[in-house]
């Protein structure tokens, strides 16, 4: 299954190579796992977003250990990361499940990454 969010992950990987991207580890200091479902009921595809161990790492596959773990479908993943859907609202509406450290989860905000010009 191909994720629409994969292009977004690639964009985030690109950002990690910039000075602003490298600075995210100082700002955030947490490791995130995202389980993104191509569609409701499908098997999730795990991604690691490591904003703890400089220079940071973003890629497919689950991290050995994460501080917060998000689960959501592809469309909601895109909406949350691009800032179209507030993460707290997504959580309250049941569009996003969060496990782990809530403080870590709250630190993952859409403004960490510049919005891609088009998706």
Protein backbone atom coordinates (compact mmCIF):
# COMPACT_ATOMS: atom_id res chain seq x y z
CA UNK A 1 0.00 0.00 0.00
CA UNK A 2 1.36 3.37 -0.97
CA UNK A 3 0.87 6.18 1.50
CA UNK A 4 -0.04 9.63 0.30
CA UNK A 5 1.82 10.80 3.39
CA UNK A 6 5.08 9.29 2.08
CA UNK A 7 5.77 12.47 0.07
CA UNK A 8 5.31 14.45 3.26
CA UNK A 9 7.77 12.19 5.11
CA UNK A 10 10.30 12.75 2.30
CA UNK A 11 9.78 16.50 2.65
CA UNK A 12 10.41 16.26 6.41
CA UNK A 13 13.56 14.20 5.80
CA UNK A 14 14.79 16.94 3.48
CA UNK A 15 14.13 19.57 6.17
CA UNK A 16 16.25 17.61 8.67
CA UNK A 17 19.34 18.34 6.54
CA UNK A 18 18.89 22.11 6.94
CA UNK A 19 20.18 24.17 9.91
CA UNK A 20 16.59 24.65 11.13
CA UNK A 21 16.03 20.90 10.88
CA UNK A 22 19.21 20.11 12.78
CA UNK A 23 18.07 22.48 15.51
CA UNK A 24 14.86 20.49 16.09
CA UNK A 25 16.67 17.97 18.32
CA UNK A 26 17.61 20.80 20.70
CA UNK A 27 14.04 22.10 20.67
CA UNK A 28 12.07 18.87 20.90
CA UNK A 29 14.22 16.13 22.43
CA UNK A 30 11.79 13.24 21.84
CA UNK A 31 11.46 10.21 19.56
CA UNK A 32 8.11 9.62 17.89
CA UNK A 33 6.58 6.62 16.22
CA UNK A 34 3.79 7.21 13.74
CA UNK A 35 1.68 4.26 12.62
CA UNK A 36 -0.04 5.46 9.47
CA UNK A 37 -2.87 3.38 8.03
CA UNK A 38 -3.38 3.66 4.25
CA UNK A 39 -7.08 3.45 5.08
CA UNK A 40 -9.27 2.57 8.05
CA UNK A 41 -8.83 -1.06 9.00
CA UNK A 42 -5.65 -1.50 6.91
CA UNK A 43 -2.34 -2.60 8.39
CA UNK A 44 -0.35 0.39 9.66
CA UNK A 45 2.95 1.46 8.15
CA UNK A 46 5.30 2.60 10.92
CA UNK A 47 7.52 5.67 10.66
CA UNK A 48 10.19 6.98 13.01
CA UNK A 49 10.54 10.69 13.64
CA UNK A 50 13.59 11.04 15.88
CA UNK A 51 13.89 14.60 17.14
CA UNK A 52 16.08 13.59 20.09
CA UNK A 53 19.33 12.11 18.83
CA UNK A 54 21.10 14.75 16.76
CA UNK A 55 21.11 15.22 13.81
CA UNK A 56 17.67 13.56 13.98
CA UNK A 57 16.23 10.91 11.74
CA UNK A 58 13.01 10.42 9.85
CA UNK A 59 12.20 7.26 7.99
CA UNK A 60 10.05 4.22 7.50
CA UNK A 61 10.14 1.57 10.21
CA UNK A 62 9.48 1.65 13.94
CA UNK A 63 12.07 3.11 16.32
CA UNK A 64 13.62 0.79 18.93
CA UNK A 65 12.00 2.97 21.57
CA UNK A 66 9.68 5.96 21.30
CA UNK A 67 8.52 8.62 23.75
CA UNK A 68 5.14 9.01 22.08
CA UNK A 69 3.33 6.82 19.61
CA UNK A 70 0.66 8.16 17.26
CA UNK A 71 -1.74 6.08 15.17
CA UNK A 72 -3.92 7.55 12.44
CA UNK A 73 -5.07 7.10 8.86
CA UNK A 74 -3.11 8.58 5.98
CA UNK A 75 -5.44 11.55 5.27
CA UNK A 76 -5.49 12.60 8.92
CA UNK A 77 -1.70 12.23 9.14
CA UNK A 78 -1.34 14.67 6.24
CA UNK A 79 -3.90 17.05 7.74
CA UNK A 80 -2.19 17.07 11.17
CA UNK A 81 1.38 17.45 9.88
CA UNK A 82 0.44 20.21 7.43
CA UNK A 83 -1.47 22.08 10.14
CA UNK A 84 -4.94 21.68 8.61
CA UNK A 85 -6.09 19.60 11.57
CA UNK A 86 -5.21 20.55 15.12
CA UNK A 87 -3.57 17.53 16.84
CA UNK A 88 -5.63 18.03 20.02
CA UNK A 89 -8.86 18.15 18.03
CA UNK A 90 -7.80 15.07 16.04
CA UNK A 91 -7.19 13.28 19.33
CA UNK A 92 -10.50 14.37 20.86
CA UNK A 93 -12.42 13.35 17.72
CA UNK A 94 -10.75 9.94 17.87
CA UNK A 95 -8.94 10.49 14.56
CA UNK A 96 -5.59 10.07 16.25
CA UNK A 97 -4.57 7.66 19.00
CA UNK A 98 -1.72 8.60 21.30
CA UNK A 99 0.24 6.28 23.55
CA UNK A 100 3.17 7.16 25.76
CA UNK A 101 4.31 10.45 27.21
CA UNK A 102 1.67 13.17 26.77
CA UNK A 103 4.25 15.91 27.30
CA UNK A 104 6.26 14.47 24.42
CA UNK A 105 3.11 14.18 22.30
CA UNK A 106 2.20 17.83 22.92
CA UNK A 107 5.63 18.90 21.66
CA UNK A 108 4.96 17.48 18.24
CA UNK A 109 3.32 20.41 16.49
CA UNK A 110 2.85 21.12 12.78
CA UNK A 111 4.98 24.26 12.95
CA UNK A 112 8.12 22.15 13.53
CA UNK A 113 8.24 21.54 9.80
CA UNK A 114 7.76 24.07 7.01
CA UNK A 115 4.64 23.36 5.00
CA UNK A 116 5.36 21.72 1.65
CA UNK A 117 4.45 23.95 -1.26
CA UNK A 118 2.06 21.35 -2.63
CA UNK A 119 0.93 17.87 -1.70
